Amino acid sequence: MKIARETVQPIDFEGLKIVDYTAGKETSSSFAEISVPARAAHRRAFSKRSDKYYYVVSGHLEFEIDGRSQDLSPGDVCVILKGQRFSYRNTSTHSARVVLVHTPSFDLESEVFEE
């Protein structure tokens, strides 16, 4: 199955631009590209359903996973297991881009976002 980029509509999620290539499709995993502008952040959250795999394509991000900080650069992967609390932020003056895979596939009702 080919999913052409021009067929996918990006969404804005709290300042992050997310292109979910598999939204609405019957897949066992989901695949998305996320653009993280300079100084933008993903608030603390966890999944009741999925493991998450973040691959940094460009830029640098600081992840916090269960209270531990990890700096990621292009080519690095961050694995967040189901139930682990995490957040990330772009502390640089340049945007970052990551690819995100959820296994099993993304389900918004299974995601918990904390204040």
PDB file of N, CA and C in Angstrom:
ATOM      1  N   MET A   1       0.849  -1.173   0.000  1.00  0.00           N
ATOM      2  CA  MET A   1       0.000   0.000   0.000  1.00  0.00           C
ATOM      3  C   MET A   1       0.892   1.232   0.000  1.00  0.00           C
ATOM      4  N   LYS A   2       0.711   2.084  -0.968  1.00  0.00           N
ATOM      5  CA  LYS A   2       1.414   3.362  -1.010  1.00  0.00           C
ATOM      6  C   LYS A   2       0.500   4.423  -0.421  1.00  0.00           C
ATOM      7  N   ILE A   3       1.092   5.270   0.408  1.00  0.00           N
ATOM      8  CA  ILE A   3       0.359   6.418   0.948  1.00  0.00           C
ATOM      9  C   ILE A   3       1.148   7.653   0.528  1.00  0.00           C
ATOM     10  N   ALA A   4       0.646   8.383  -0.442  1.00  0.00           N
ATOM     11  CA  ALA A   4       1.339   9.551  -0.970  1.00  0.00           C
ATOM     12  C   ALA A   4       1.211  10.725  -0.006  1.00  0.00           C
ATOM     13  N   ARG A   5       2.287  11.430   0.205  1.00  0.00           N
ATOM     14  CA  ARG A   5       2.323  12.565   1.136  1.00  0.00           C
ATOM     15  C   ARG A   5       1.221  13.572   0.831  1.00  0.00           C
ATOM     16  N   GLU A   6       0.990  13.842  -0.447  1.00  0.00           N
ATOM     17  CA  GLU A   6       0.001  14.870  -0.798  1.00  0.00           C
ATOM     18  C   GLU A   6      -1.433  14.452  -0.492  1.00  0.00           C
ATOM     19  N   THR A   7      -1.652  13.191  -0.134  1.00  0.00           N
ATOM     20  CA  THR A   7      -3.002  12.734   0.214  1.00  0.00           C
ATOM     21  C   THR A   7      -3.289  12.838   1.710  1.00  0.00           C
ATOM     22  N   VAL A   8      -2.276  13.225   2.484  1.00  0.00           N
ATOM     23  CA  VAL A   8      -2.412  13.258   3.943  1.00  0.00           C
ATOM     24  C   VAL A   8      -2.470  14.707   4.419  1.00  0.00           C
ATOM     25  N   GLN A   9      -3.486  15.023   5.204  1.00  0.00           N
ATOM     26  CA  GLN A   9      -3.647  16.376   5.736  1.00  0.00           C
ATOM     27  C   GLN A   9      -2.965  16.486   7.098  1.00  0.00           C
ATOM     28  N   PRO A  10      -2.050  17.439   7.266  1.00  0.00           N
ATOM     29  CA  PRO A  10      -1.422  17.622   8.578  1.00  0.00           C
ATOM     30  C   PRO A  10      -2.406  18.195   9.588  1.00  0.00           C
ATOM     31  N   ILE A  11      -2.177  17.874  10.841  1.00  0.00           N
ATOM     32  CA  ILE A  11      -2.973  18.467  11.921  1.00  0.00           C
ATOM     33  C   ILE A  11      -2.033  19.219  12.850  1.00  0.00           C
ATOM     34  N   ASP A  12      -2.577  20.202  13.530  1.00  0.00           N
ATOM     35  CA  ASP A  12      -1.811  20.935  14.531  1.00  0.00           C
ATOM     36  C   ASP A  12      -2.202  20.395  15.890  1.00  0.00           C
ATOM     37  N   PHE A  13      -1.224  19.919  16.631  1.00  0.00           N
ATOM     38  CA  PHE A  13      -1.467  19.423  17.978  1.00  0.00           C
ATOM     39  C   PHE A  13      -0.609  20.221  18.939  1.00  0.00           C
ATOM     40  N   GLU A  14      -1.203  21.214  19.557  1.00  0.00           N
ATOM     41  CA  GLU A  14      -0.522  22.060  20.539  1.00  0.00           C
ATOM     42  C   GLU A  14       0.794  22.611  19.997  1.00  0.00           C
ATOM     43  N   GLY A  15       0.771  23.051  18.727  1.00  0.00           N
ATOM     44  CA  GLY A  15       1.953  23.651  18.113  1.00  0.00           C
ATOM     45  C   GLY A  15       2.826  22.680  17.341  1.00  0.00           C
ATOM     46  N   LEU A  16       2.579  21.396  17.459  1.00  0.00           N
ATOM     47  CA  LEU A  16       3.317  20.387  16.699  1.00  0.00           C
ATOM     48  C   LEU A  16       2.535  20.089  15.427  1.00  0.00           C
ATOM     49  N   LYS A  17       3.226  19.990  14.301  1.00  0.00           N
ATOM     50  CA  LYS A  17       2.570  19.653  13.033  1.00  0.00           C
ATOM     51  C   LYS A  17       2.718  18.146  12.824  1.00  0.00           C
ATOM     52  N   ILE A  18       1.595  17.443  12.817  1.00  0.00           N
ATOM     53  CA  ILE A  18       1.620  15.983  12.716  1.00  0.00           C
ATOM     54  C   ILE A  18       0.980  15.549  11.408  1.00  0.00           C
ATOM     55  N   VAL A  19       1.710  14.723  10.670  1.00  0.00           N
ATOM     56  CA  VAL A  19       1.201  14.116   9.450  1.00  0.00           C
ATOM     57  C   VAL A  19       1.072  12.624   9.754  1.00  0.00           C
ATOM     58  N   ASP A  20      -0.161  12.175   9.999  1.00  0.00           N
ATOM     59  CA  ASP A  20      -0.419  10.768  10.343  1.00  0.00           C
ATOM     60  C   ASP A  20      -0.784  10.021   9.062  1.00  0.00           C
ATOM     61  N   TYR A  21       0.177   9.286   8.543  1.00  0.00           N
ATOM     62  CA  TYR A  21      -0.007   8.590   7.266  1.00  0.00           C
ATOM     63  C   TYR A  21      -1.013   7.449   7.354  1.00  0.00           C
ATOM     64  N   THR A  22      -1.226   6.899   8.512  1.00  0.00           N
ATOM     65  CA  THR A  22      -2.070   5.709   8.637  1.00  0.00           C
ATOM     66  C   THR A  22      -3.413   5.991   9.312  1.00  0.00           C
ATOM     67  N   ALA A  23      -3.737   7.237   9.554  1.00  0.00           N
ATOM     68  CA  ALA A  23      -5.005   7.575  10.201  1.00  0.00           C
ATOM     69  C   ALA A  23      -6.176   7.007   9.406  1.00  0.00           C
ATOM     70  N   GLY A  24      -7.068   6.330  10.102  1.00  0.00           N
ATOM     71  CA  GLY A  24      -8.257   5.784   9.475  1.00  0.00           C
ATOM     72  C   GLY A  24      -8.028   4.514   8.678  1.00  0.00           C
ATOM     73  N   LYS A  25      -6.808   4.000   8.699  1.00  0.00           N
ATOM     74  CA  LYS A  25      -6.502   2.780   7.955  1.00  0.00           C
ATOM     75  C   LYS A  25      -6.415   1.599   8.922  1.00  0.00           C
ATOM     76  N   GLU A  26      -6.730   0.428   8.435  1.00  0.00           N
ATOM     77  CA  GLU A  26      -6.673  -0.792   9.245  1.00  0.00           C
ATOM     78  C   GLU A  26      -5.241  -1.338   9.227  1.00  0.00           C
ATOM     79  N   THR A  27      -4.397  -0.812  10.107  1.00  0.00           N
ATOM     80  CA  THR A  27      -3.014  -1.257  10.200  1.00  0.00           C
ATOM     81  C   THR A  27      -2.705  -1.669  11.636  1.00  0.00           C
ATOM     82  N   SER A  28      -1.741  -2.555  11.806  1.00  0.00           N
ATOM     83  CA  SER A  28      -1.399  -3.004  13.155  1.00  0.00           C
ATOM     84  C   SER A  28      -0.489  -2.008  13.869  1.00  0.00           C
ATOM     85  N   SER A  29       0.212  -1.165  13.115  1.00  0.00           N
ATOM     86  CA  SER A  29       1.029  -0.091  13.669  1.00  0.00           C
ATOM     87  C   SER A  29       0.630   1.195  12.955  1.00  0.00           C
ATOM     88  N   SER A  30       0.984   2.328  13.545  1.00  0.00           N
ATOM     89  CA  SER A  30       0.721   3.598  12.873  1.00  0.00           C
ATOM     90  C   SER A  30       2.044   4.315  12.626  1.00  0.00           C
ATOM     91  N   PHE A  31       2.036   5.218  11.642  1.00  0.00           N
ATOM     92  CA  PHE A  31       3.242   5.896  11.186  1.00  0.00           C
ATOM     93  C   PHE A  31       2.921   7.367  10.983  1.00  0.00           C
ATOM     94  N   ALA A  32       3.694   8.222  11.628  1.00  0.00           N
ATOM     95  CA  ALA A  32       3.464   9.664  11.509  1.00  0.00           C
ATOM     96  C   ALA A  32       4.797  10.397  11.450  1.00  0.00           C
ATOM     97  N   GLU A  33       4.752  11.572  10.836  1.00  0.00           N
ATOM     98  CA  GLU A  33       5.893  12.477  10.830  1.00  0.00           C
ATOM     99  C   GLU A  33       5.480  13.704  11.636  1.00  0.00           C
ATOM    100  N   ILE A  34       6.373  14.162  12.514  1.00  0.00           N
ATOM    101  CA  ILE A  34       6.062  15.300  13.376  1.00  0.00           C
ATOM    102  C   ILE A  34       7.124  16.377  13.195  1.00  0.00           C
ATOM    103  N   SER A  35       6.673  17.593  12.901  1.00  0.00           N
ATOM    104  CA  SER A  35       7.559  18.751  12.870  1.00  0.00           C
ATOM    105  C   SER A  35       7.420  19.469  14.206  1.00  0.00           C
ATOM    106  N   VAL A  36       8.562  19.682  14.850  1.00  0.00           N
ATOM    107  CA  VAL A  36       8.592  20.305  16.174  1.00  0.00           C
ATOM    108  C   VAL A  36       9.298  21.650  16.040  1.00  0.00           C
ATOM    109  N   PRO A  37       8.545  22.742  16.027  1.00  0.00           N
ATOM    110  CA  PRO A  37       9.175  24.058  15.885  1.00  0.00           C
ATOM    111  C   PRO A  37      10.135  24.366  17.046  1.00  0.00           C
ATOM    112  N   ALA A  38      11.001  25.326  16.821  1.00  0.00           N
ATOM    113  CA  ALA A  38      11.903  25.792  17.869  1.00  0.00           C
ATOM    114  C   ALA A  38      11.101  26.164  19.112  1.00  0.00           C
ATOM    115  N   ARG A  39      11.567  25.712  20.251  1.00  0.00           N
ATOM    116  CA  ARG A  39      10.975  26.010  21.573  1.00  0.00           C
ATOM    117  C   ARG A  39       9.620  25.333  21.819  1.00  0.00           C
ATOM    118  N   ALA A  40       9.149  24.506  20.905  1.00  0.00           N
ATOM    119  CA  ALA A  40       7.869  23.802  21.097  1.00  0.00           C
ATOM    120  C   ALA A  40       8.080  22.567  21.970  1.00  0.00           C
ATOM    121  N   ALA A  41       6.976  22.084  22.550  1.00  0.00           N
ATOM    122  CA  ALA A  41       7.066  20.932  23.449  1.00  0.00           C
ATOM    123  C   ALA A  41       5.806  20.070  23.353  1.00  0.00           C
ATOM    124  N   HIS A  42       5.980  18.817  23.692  1.00  0.00           N
ATOM    125  CA  HIS A  42       4.874  17.860  23.838  1.00  0.00           C
ATOM    126  C   HIS A  42       4.710  17.653  25.340  1.00  0.00           C
ATOM    127  N   ARG A  43       3.529  17.957  25.842  1.00  0.00           N
ATOM    128  CA  ARG A  43       3.344  17.849  27.295  1.00  0.00           C
ATOM    129  C   ARG A  43       3.406  16.400  27.763  1.00  0.00           C
ATOM    130  N   ARG A  44       3.596  16.252  29.042  1.00  0.00           N
ATOM    131  CA  ARG A  44       3.735  14.930  29.655  1.00  0.00           C
ATOM    132  C   ARG A  44       2.500  14.081  29.360  1.00  0.00           C
ATOM    133  N   ALA A  45       2.751  12.834  28.965  1.00  0.00           N
ATOM    134  CA  ALA A  45       1.668  11.944  28.562  1.00  0.00           C
ATOM    135  C   ALA A  45       2.121  10.497  28.717  1.00  0.00           C
ATOM    136  N   PHE A  46       1.184   9.582  28.498  1.00  0.00           N
ATOM    137  CA  PHE A  46       1.513   8.165  28.389  1.00  0.00           C
ATOM    138  C   PHE A  46       0.404   7.467  27.626  1.00  0.00           C
ATOM    139  N   SER A  47       0.716   6.278  27.124  1.00  0.00           N
ATOM    140  CA  SER A  47      -0.253   5.499  26.370  1.00  0.00           C
ATOM    141  C   SER A  47      -0.668   4.277  27.172  1.00  0.00           C
ATOM    142  N   LYS A  48      -1.952   4.014  27.196  1.00  0.00           N
ATOM    143  CA  LYS A  48      -2.464   2.799  27.841  1.00  0.00           C
ATOM    144  C   LYS A  48      -2.453   1.628  26.860  1.00  0.00           C
ATOM    145  N   ARG A  49      -2.063   1.886  25.603  1.00  0.00           N
ATOM    146  CA  ARG A  49      -2.179   0.877  24.550  1.00  0.00           C
ATOM    147  C   ARG A  49      -0.871   0.556  23.826  1.00  0.00           C
ATOM    148  N   SER A  50      -0.091   1.572  23.479  1.00  0.00           N
ATOM    149  CA  SER A  50       0.987   1.409  22.498  1.00  0.00           C
ATOM    150  C   SER A  50       2.379   1.678  23.042  1.00  0.00           C
ATOM    151  N   ASP A  51       3.353   0.989  22.458  1.00  0.00           N
ATOM    152  CA  ASP A  51       4.746   1.388  22.555  1.00  0.00           C
ATOM    153  C   ASP A  51       4.964   2.428  21.465  1.00  0.00           C
ATOM    154  N   LYS A  52       5.897   3.362  21.706  1.00  0.00           N
ATOM    155  CA  LYS A  52       6.157   4.437  20.738  1.00  0.00           C
ATOM    156  C   LYS A  52       7.633   4.415  20.374  1.00  0.00           C
ATOM    157  N   TYR A  53       7.899   4.607  19.097  1.00  0.00           N
ATOM    158  CA  TYR A  53       9.262   4.650  18.591  1.00  0.00           C
ATOM    159  C   TYR A  53       9.459   5.974  17.868  1.00  0.00           C
ATOM    160  N   TYR A  54      10.274   6.859  18.428  1.00  0.00           N
ATOM    161  CA  TYR A  54      10.567   8.162  17.831  1.00  0.00           C
ATOM    162  C   TYR A  54      11.944   8.095  17.180  1.00  0.00           C
ATOM    163  N   TYR A  55      12.000   8.379  15.889  1.00  0.00           N
ATOM    164  CA  TYR A  55      13.266   8.432  15.154  1.00  0.00           C
ATOM    165  C   TYR A  55      13.509   9.887  14.759  1.00  0.00           C
ATOM    166  N   VAL A  56      14.644  10.444  15.173  1.00  0.00           N
ATOM    167  CA  VAL A  56      14.948  11.841  14.881  1.00  0.00           C
ATOM    168  C   VAL A  56      15.554  11.942  13.481  1.00  0.00           C
ATOM    169  N   VAL A  57      14.842  12.640  12.601  1.00  0.00           N
ATOM    170  CA  VAL A  57      15.293  12.846  11.223  1.00  0.00           C
ATOM    171  C   VAL A  57      16.212  14.055  11.162  1.00  0.00           C
ATOM    172  N   SER A  58      15.797  15.143  11.816  1.00  0.00           N
ATOM    173  CA  SER A  58      16.609  16.356  11.824  1.00  0.00           C
ATOM    174  C   SER A  58      16.351  17.132  13.109  1.00  0.00           C
ATOM    175  N   GLY A  59      17.336  17.943  13.483  1.00  0.00           N
ATOM    176  CA  GLY A  59      17.219  18.739  14.701  1.00  0.00           C
ATOM    177  C   GLY A  59      17.584  17.948  15.942  1.00  0.00           C
ATOM    178  N   HIS A  60      17.306  18.545  17.072  1.00  0.00           N
ATOM    179  CA  HIS A  60      17.637  17.944  18.365  1.00  0.00           C
ATOM    180  C   HIS A  60      16.442  18.087  19.290  1.00  0.00           C
ATOM    181  N   LEU A  61      16.170  17.044  20.057  1.00  0.00           N
ATOM    182  CA  LEU A  61      15.070  17.064  21.021  1.00  0.00           C
ATOM    183  C   LEU A  61      15.550  16.553  22.361  1.00  0.00           C
ATOM    184  N   GLU A  62      14.938  17.064  23.398  1.00  0.00           N
ATOM    185  CA  GLU A  62      15.198  16.593  24.753  1.00  0.00           C
ATOM    186  C   GLU A  62      13.956  15.846  25.218  1.00  0.00           C
ATOM    187  N   PHE A  63      14.092  14.544  25.445  1.00  0.00           N
ATOM    188  CA  PHE A  63      13.001  13.720  25.950  1.00  0.00           C
ATOM    189  C   PHE A  63      13.165  13.545  27.450  1.00  0.00           C
ATOM    190  N   GLU A  64      12.048  13.510  28.152  1.00  0.00           N
ATOM    191  CA  GLU A  64      12.051  13.111  29.555  1.00  0.00           C
ATOM    192  C   GLU A  64      11.147  11.890  29.649  1.00  0.00           C
ATOM    193  N   ILE A  65      11.726  10.789  30.121  1.00  0.00           N
ATOM    194  CA  ILE A  65      10.997   9.523  30.224  1.00  0.00           C
ATOM    195  C   ILE A  65      11.071   9.057  31.669  1.00  0.00           C
ATOM    196  N   ASP A  66       9.910   8.958  32.307  1.00  0.00           N
ATOM    197  CA  ASP A  66       9.848   8.576  33.720  1.00  0.00           C
ATOM    198  C   ASP A  66      10.844   9.371  34.558  1.00  0.00           C
ATOM    199  N   GLY A  67      10.941  10.682  34.279  1.00  0.00           N
ATOM    200  CA  GLY A  67      11.781  11.572  35.071  1.00  0.00           C
ATOM    201  C   GLY A  67      13.248  11.621  34.674  1.00  0.00           C
ATOM    202  N   ARG A  68      13.653  10.879  33.651  1.00  0.00           N
ATOM    203  CA  ARG A  68      15.049  10.868  33.219  1.00  0.00           C
ATOM    204  C   ARG A  68      15.181  11.570  31.874  1.00  0.00           C
ATOM    205  N   SER A  69      16.151  12.459  31.772  1.00  0.00           N
ATOM    206  CA  SER A  69      16.344  13.257  30.571  1.00  0.00           C
ATOM    207  C   SER A  69      17.251  12.541  29.568  1.00  0.00           C
ATOM    208  N   GLN A  70      16.880  12.620  28.293  1.00  0.00           N
ATOM    209  CA  GLN A  70      17.653  12.040  27.196  1.00  0.00           C
ATOM    210  C   GLN A  70      17.717  13.056  26.061  1.00  0.00           C
ATOM    211  N   ASP A  71      18.916  13.376  25.577  1.00  0.00           N
ATOM    212  CA  ASP A  71      19.073  14.256  24.426  1.00  0.00           C
ATOM    213  C   ASP A  71      19.186  13.404  23.172  1.00  0.00           C
ATOM    214  N   LEU A  72      18.383  13.724  22.161  1.00  0.00           N
ATOM    215  CA  LEU A  72      18.393  12.979  20.905  1.00  0.00           C
ATOM    216  C   LEU A  72      18.816  13.863  19.745  1.00  0.00           C
ATOM    217  N   SER A  73      19.619  13.275  18.864  1.00  0.00           N
ATOM    218  CA  SER A  73      20.133  13.935  17.673  1.00  0.00           C
ATOM    219  C   SER A  73      19.713  13.138  16.441  1.00  0.00           C
ATOM    220  N   PRO A  74      19.929  13.672  15.244  1.00  0.00           N
ATOM    221  CA  PRO A  74      19.558  12.938  14.037  1.00  0.00           C
ATOM    222  C   PRO A  74      20.142  11.521  14.028  1.00  0.00           C
ATOM    223  N   GLY A  75      19.286  10.569  13.694  1.00  0.00           N
ATOM    224  CA  GLY A  75      19.678   9.169  13.659  1.00  0.00           C
ATOM    225  C   GLY A  75      19.405   8.418  14.945  1.00  0.00           C
ATOM    226  N   ASP A  76      19.101   9.131  16.034  1.00  0.00           N
ATOM    227  CA  ASP A  76      18.791   8.486  17.312  1.00  0.00           C
ATOM    228  C   ASP A  76      17.339   8.036  17.345  1.00  0.00           C
ATOM    229  N   VAL A  77      17.088   6.984  18.116  1.00  0.00           N
ATOM    230  CA  VAL A  77      15.739   6.470  18.331  1.00  0.00           C
ATOM    231  C   VAL A  77      15.451   6.492  19.818  1.00  0.00           C
ATOM    232  N   CYS A  78      14.248   6.896  20.165  1.00  0.00           N
ATOM    233  CA  CYS A  78      13.790   6.871  21.546  1.00  0.00           C
ATOM    234  C   CYS A  78      12.601   5.907  21.607  1.00  0.00           C
ATOM    235  N   VAL A  79      12.699   4.890  22.458  1.00  0.00           N
ATOM    236  CA  VAL A  79      11.628   3.915  22.618  1.00  0.00           C
ATOM    237  C   VAL A  79      10.920   4.208  23.933  1.00  0.00           C
ATOM    238  N   ILE A  80       9.610   4.394  23.852  1.00  0.00           N
ATOM    239  CA  ILE A  80       8.793   4.658  25.030  1.00  0.00           C
ATOM    240  C   ILE A  80       7.776   3.534  25.128  1.00  0.00           C
ATOM    241  N   LEU A  81       7.865   2.773  26.180  1.00  0.00           N
ATOM    242  CA  LEU A  81       6.993   1.627  26.355  1.00  0.00           C
ATOM    243  C   LEU A  81       5.632   2.040  26.890  1.00  0.00           C
ATOM    244  N   LYS A  82       4.647   1.239  26.570  1.00  0.00           N
ATOM    245  CA  LYS A  82       3.282   1.467  27.057  1.00  0.00           C
ATOM    246  C   LYS A  82       3.335   1.742  28.559  1.00  0.00           C
ATOM    247  N   GLY A  83       2.665   2.808  28.973  1.00  0.00           N
ATOM    248  CA  GLY A  83       2.597   3.157  30.388  1.00  0.00           C
ATOM    249  C   GLY A  83       3.697   4.081  30.879  1.00  0.00           C
ATOM    250  N   GLN A  84       4.775   4.249  30.128  1.00  0.00           N
ATOM    251  CA  GLN A  84       5.845   5.154  30.557  1.00  0.00           C
ATOM    252  C   GLN A  84       5.427   6.598  30.325  1.00  0.00           C
ATOM    253  N   ARG A  85       5.620   7.414  31.329  1.00  0.00           N
ATOM    254  CA  ARG A  85       5.326   8.835  31.193  1.00  0.00           C
ATOM    255  C   ARG A  85       6.496   9.514  30.497  1.00  0.00           C
ATOM    256  N   PHE A  86       6.149  10.390  29.547  1.00  0.00           N
ATOM    257  CA  PHE A  86       7.188  11.052  28.768  1.00  0.00           C
ATOM    258  C   PHE A  86       6.729  12.444  28.357  1.00  0.00           C
ATOM    259  N   SER A  87       7.683  13.246  27.996  1.00  0.00           N
ATOM    260  CA  SER A  87       7.449  14.531  27.348  1.00  0.00           C
ATOM    261  C   SER A  87       8.686  14.808  26.506  1.00  0.00           C
ATOM    262  N   TYR A  88       8.576  15.754  25.600  1.00  0.00           N
ATOM    263  CA  TYR A  88       9.769  16.164  24.873  1.00  0.00           C
ATOM    264  C   TYR A  88       9.650  17.622  24.489  1.00  0.00           C
ATOM    265  N   ARG A  89      10.808  18.207  24.209  1.00  0.00           N
ATOM    266  CA  ARG A  89      10.822  19.609  23.820  1.00  0.00           C
ATOM    267  C   ARG A  89      12.018  19.891  22.929  1.00  0.00           C
ATOM    268  N   ASN A  90      11.840  20.911  22.135  1.00  0.00           N
ATOM    269  CA  ASN A  90      12.895  21.380  21.255  1.00  0.00           C
ATOM    270  C   ASN A  90      13.459  22.632  21.902  1.00  0.00           C
ATOM    271  N   THR A  91      14.648  22.543  22.447  1.00  0.00           N
ATOM    272  CA  THR A  91      15.241  23.676  23.147  1.00  0.00           C
ATOM    273  C   THR A  91      16.091  24.545  22.218  1.00  0.00           C
ATOM    274  N   SER A  92      16.187  24.161  20.946  1.00  0.00           N
ATOM    275  CA  SER A  92      17.042  24.902  20.023  1.00  0.00           C
ATOM    276  C   SER A  92      16.260  26.016  19.314  1.00  0.00           C
ATOM    277  N   THR A  93      16.966  26.729  18.467  1.00  0.00           N
ATOM    278  CA  THR A  93      16.342  27.802  17.681  1.00  0.00           C
ATOM    279  C   THR A  93      15.982  27.325  16.281  1.00  0.00           C
ATOM    280  N   HIS A  94      16.128  26.014  16.011  1.00  0.00           N
ATOM    281  CA  HIS A  94      15.791  25.413  14.721  1.00  0.00           C
ATOM    282  C   HIS A  94      14.722  24.346  14.926  1.00  0.00           C
ATOM    283  N   SER A  95      13.899  24.144  13.926  1.00  0.00           N
ATOM    284  CA  SER A  95      12.875  23.108  14.051  1.00  0.00           C
ATOM    285  C   SER A  95      13.512  21.720  13.994  1.00  0.00           C
ATOM    286  N   ALA A  96      12.769  20.750  14.504  1.00  0.00           N
ATOM    287  CA  ALA A  96      13.192  19.352  14.472  1.00  0.00           C
ATOM    288  C   ALA A  96      12.104  18.550  13.773  1.00  0.00           C
ATOM    289  N   ARG A  97      12.487  17.387  13.265  1.00  0.00           N
ATOM    290  CA  ARG A  97      11.529  16.508  12.608  1.00  0.00           C
ATOM    291  C   ARG A  97      11.775  15.086  13.072  1.00  0.00           C
ATOM    292  N   VAL A  98      10.686  14.414  13.462  1.00  0.00           N
ATOM    293  CA  VAL A  98      10.779  13.032  13.917  1.00  0.00           C
ATOM    294  C   VAL A  98       9.744  12.179  13.211  1.00  0.00           C
ATOM    295  N   VAL A  99      10.045  10.897  13.115  1.00  0.00           N
ATOM    296  CA  VAL A  99       9.087   9.907  12.650  1.00  0.00           C
ATOM    297  C   VAL A  99       8.644   9.145  13.887  1.00  0.00           C
ATOM    298  N   LEU A 100       7.341   8.904  13.987  1.00  0.00           N
ATOM    299  CA  LEU A 100       6.772   8.213  15.140  1.00  0.00           C
ATOM    300  C   LEU A 100       5.998   6.989  14.683  1.00  0.00           C
ATOM    301  N   VAL A 101       6.325   5.847  15.291  1.00  0.00           N
ATOM    302  CA  VAL A 101       5.594   4.611  15.049  1.00  0.00           C
ATOM    303  C   VAL A 101       4.951   4.186  16.358  1.00  0.00           C
ATOM    304  N   HIS A 102       3.654   3.909  16.339  1.00  0.00           N
ATOM    305  CA  HIS A 102       2.929   3.343  17.477  1.00  0.00           C
ATOM    306  C   HIS A 102       2.663   1.874  17.172  1.00  0.00           C
ATOM    307  N   THR A 103       2.909   1.007  18.160  1.00  0.00           N
ATOM    308  CA  THR A 103       2.577  -0.417  18.007  1.00  0.00           C
ATOM    309  C   THR A 103       1.929  -0.893  19.293  1.00  0.00           C
ATOM    310  N   PRO A 104       0.667  -1.345  19.268  1.00  0.00           N
ATOM    311  CA  PRO A 104      -0.269  -1.292  18.149  1.00  0.00           C
ATOM    312  C   PRO A 104      -0.590   0.152  17.757  1.00  0.00           C
ATOM    313  N   SER A 105      -1.367   0.291  16.710  1.00  0.00           N
ATOM    314  CA  SER A 105      -1.599   1.597  16.104  1.00  0.00           C
ATOM    315  C   SER A 105      -2.188   2.620  17.082  1.00  0.00           C
ATOM    316  N   PHE A 106      -1.979   3.880  16.746  1.00  0.00           N
ATOM    317  CA  PHE A 106      -2.434   5.013  17.556  1.00  0.00           C
ATOM    318  C   PHE A 106      -3.949   4.979  17.760  1.00  0.00           C
ATOM    319  N   ASP A 107      -4.336   5.243  18.998  1.00  0.00           N
ATOM    320  CA  ASP A 107      -5.748   5.358  19.362  1.00  0.00           C
ATOM    321  C   ASP A 107      -5.848   6.500  20.378  1.00  0.00           C
ATOM    322  N   LEU A 108      -6.414   7.621  19.974  1.00  0.00           N
ATOM    323  CA  LEU A 108      -6.457   8.810  20.828  1.00  0.00           C
ATOM    324  C   LEU A 108      -7.078   8.532  22.191  1.00  0.00           C
ATOM    325  N   GLU A 109      -8.096   7.690  22.241  1.00  0.00           N
ATOM    326  CA  GLU A 109      -8.753   7.386  23.514  1.00  0.00           C
ATOM    327  C   GLU A 109      -7.839   6.641  24.490  1.00  0.00           C
ATOM    328  N   SER A 110      -6.756   6.052  23.985  1.00  0.00           N
ATOM    329  CA  SER A 110      -5.811   5.327  24.830  1.00  0.00           C
ATOM    330  C   SER A 110      -4.647   6.192  25.293  1.00  0.00           C
ATOM    331  N   GLU A 111      -4.617   7.444  24.852  1.00  0.00           N
ATOM    332  CA  GLU A 111      -3.543   8.356  25.234  1.00  0.00           C
ATOM    333  C   GLU A 111      -4.006   9.206  26.415  1.00  0.00           C
ATOM    334  N   VAL A 112      -3.118   9.385  27.378  1.00  0.00           N
ATOM    335  CA  VAL A 112      -3.437  10.185  28.564  1.00  0.00           C
ATOM    336  C   VAL A 112      -2.462  11.370  28.579  1.00  0.00           C
ATOM    337  N   PHE A 113      -3.022  12.587  28.554  1.00  0.00           N
ATOM    338  CA  PHE A 113      -2.228  13.813  28.564  1.00  0.00           C
ATOM    339  C   PHE A 113      -2.377  14.476  29.919  1.00  0.00           C
ATOM    340  N   GLU A 114      -1.243  14.760  30.558  1.00  0.00           N
ATOM    341  CA  GLU A 114      -1.262  15.362  31.884  1.00  0.00           C
ATOM    342  C   GLU A 114      -1.081  16.866  31.780  1.00  0.00           C
ATOM    343  N   GLU A 115      -1.503  17.564  32.783  1.00  0.00           N
ATOM    344  CA  GLU A 115      -1.365  19.034  32.810  1.00  0.00           C
ATOM    345  C   GLU A 115       0.038  19.451  33.111  1.00  0.00           C
TER     346      GLU A 115
END
